């Protein structure tokens, strides 16, 4: 947000943009990298968050992390392997996209 100065707003208003058009055409392209990074970090952190998931989940509704926890606590390692790999891949994909975004 610090990258958006008053002069950028004034220049866009001078070009006839205001309100939602200014947000869409000026602010979002500037903030796109930061927003993507924040969403990626939150997604990865939420995917692996276990204690809060166990405490606040509705009955009969399990997340992938809870299912892995239940299977491994019962000693069913083979059945827990595929969900665990899916959780790792779901966490790696945003990180790979983030590193490609940073390299640009």
Protein backbone atom coordinates (compact mmCIF):
# COMPACT_ATOMS: atom_id res chain seq x y z
CA UNK A 1 0.00 0.00 0.00
CA UNK A 2 2.95 2.32 0.55
CA UNK A 3 3.80 2.03 -3.14
CA UNK A 4 0.58 3.85 -4.03
CA UNK A 5 1.27 7.53 -3.50
CA UNK A 6 -1.04 10.48 -3.72
CA UNK A 7 0.56 11.47 -7.02
CA UNK A 8 -0.48 8.13 -8.57
CA UNK A 9 -4.07 8.77 -7.48
CA UNK A 10 -3.95 12.31 -8.80
CA UNK A 11 -2.50 11.18 -12.14
CA UNK A 12 -5.19 8.54 -12.56
CA UNK A 13 -7.89 11.06 -11.69
CA UNK A 14 -6.39 13.41 -14.26
CA UNK A 15 -6.77 10.65 -16.83
CA UNK A 16 -10.44 10.28 -15.99
CA UNK A 17 -10.38 7.31 -13.61
CA UNK A 18 -12.14 7.31 -10.28
CA UNK A 19 -13.63 4.87 -7.78
CA UNK A 20 -13.76 1.26 -8.92
CA UNK A 21 -12.04 1.96 -12.22
CA UNK A 22 -9.03 3.41 -10.39
CA UNK A 23 -8.93 0.41 -8.10
CA UNK A 24 -9.18 -2.04 -11.00
CA UNK A 25 -6.79 -0.37 -13.43
CA UNK A 26 -4.20 1.28 -11.14
CA UNK A 27 -4.19 -0.07 -7.59
CA UNK A 28 -4.71 -3.80 -8.16
CA UNK A 29 -1.90 -4.16 -10.73
CA UNK A 30 0.48 -2.48 -8.28
CA UNK A 31 -0.71 -4.59 -5.33
CA UNK A 32 -1.06 -7.87 -7.26
CA UNK A 33 2.26 -9.35 -6.07
CA UNK A 34 1.67 -8.51 -2.42
CA UNK A 35 -1.90 -9.79 -2.46
CA UNK A 36 -0.80 -13.04 -4.12
CA UNK A 37 1.98 -13.51 -1.56
CA UNK A 38 -0.39 -12.89 1.37
CA UNK A 39 -3.04 -15.27 0.04
CA UNK A 40 -0.41 -17.95 -0.60
CA UNK A 41 1.07 -17.71 2.88
CA UNK A 42 -2.34 -17.80 4.52
CA UNK A 43 -3.41 -20.78 2.37
CA UNK A 44 -0.31 -22.81 3.22
CA UNK A 45 -0.56 -21.97 6.92
CA UNK A 46 -4.26 -22.86 7.08
CA UNK A 47 -3.70 -26.13 5.22
CA UNK A 48 -1.28 -27.37 7.85
CA UNK A 49 -2.97 -25.90 10.93
CA UNK A 50 -4.08 -28.81 13.07
CA UNK A 51 -4.99 -27.82 16.67
CA UNK A 52 -7.51 -25.13 15.76
CA UNK A 53 -9.05 -27.44 13.16
CA UNK A 54 -9.54 -30.19 15.71
CA UNK A 55 -11.14 -27.80 18.20
CA UNK A 56 -13.45 -25.83 15.94
CA UNK A 57 -14.60 -28.28 13.27
CA UNK A 58 -18.27 -29.24 13.03
CA UNK A 59 -19.17 -32.81 13.92
CA UNK A 60 -18.93 -35.18 10.97
CA UNK A 61 -16.84 -32.76 8.90
CA UNK A 62 -13.14 -33.51 8.56
CA UNK A 63 -10.42 -31.59 6.82
CA UNK A 64 -7.59 -33.34 5.05
CA UNK A 65 -5.24 -32.70 7.98
CA UNK A 66 -7.75 -34.15 10.46
CA UNK A 67 -8.25 -37.25 8.30
CA UNK A 68 -4.48 -37.81 8.12
CA UNK A 69 -4.22 -37.37 11.89
CA UNK A 70 -7.01 -39.88 12.53
CA UNK A 71 -5.56 -42.48 10.15
CA UNK A 72 -2.04 -42.22 11.53
CA UNK A 73 -3.23 -42.31 15.14
CA UNK A 74 -5.03 -45.57 14.35
CA UNK A 75 -1.86 -46.98 12.75
CA UNK A 76 -3.27 -47.05 9.21
CA UNK A 77 -0.15 -45.65 7.57
CA UNK A 78 -0.91 -46.96 4.09
CA UNK A 79 -4.32 -45.30 3.99
CA UNK A 80 -2.87 -42.05 5.36
CA UNK A 81 -0.14 -41.88 2.71
CA UNK A 82 -2.26 -40.61 -0.20
CA UNK A 83 -4.01 -37.84 1.78
CA UNK A 84 -0.62 -36.83 3.23
CA UNK A 85 0.91 -36.58 -0.25
CA UNK A 86 -2.12 -34.59 -1.42
CA UNK A 87 -1.64 -32.18 1.51
CA UNK A 88 2.03 -31.74 0.68
CA UNK A 89 1.26 -31.13 -3.00
CA UNK A 90 -1.52 -28.69 -2.10
CA UNK A 91 1.01 -26.77 -0.04
CA UNK A 92 3.78 -26.93 -2.65
CA UNK A 93 1.78 -25.68 -5.63
CA UNK A 94 1.20 -22.18 -4.18
CA UNK A 95 4.84 -21.97 -3.08
CA UNK A 96 6.03 -22.87 -6.60
CA UNK A 97 3.70 -20.25 -8.06
CA UNK A 98 4.96 -17.72 -5.52
CA UNK A 99 8.59 -18.33 -6.40
CA UNK A 100 7.82 -17.97 -10.11
CA UNK A 101 5.98 -14.71 -9.34
CA UNK A 102 8.99 -13.42 -7.39
CA UNK A 103 11.42 -14.34 -10.19
CA UNK A 104 9.52 -12.16 -12.69
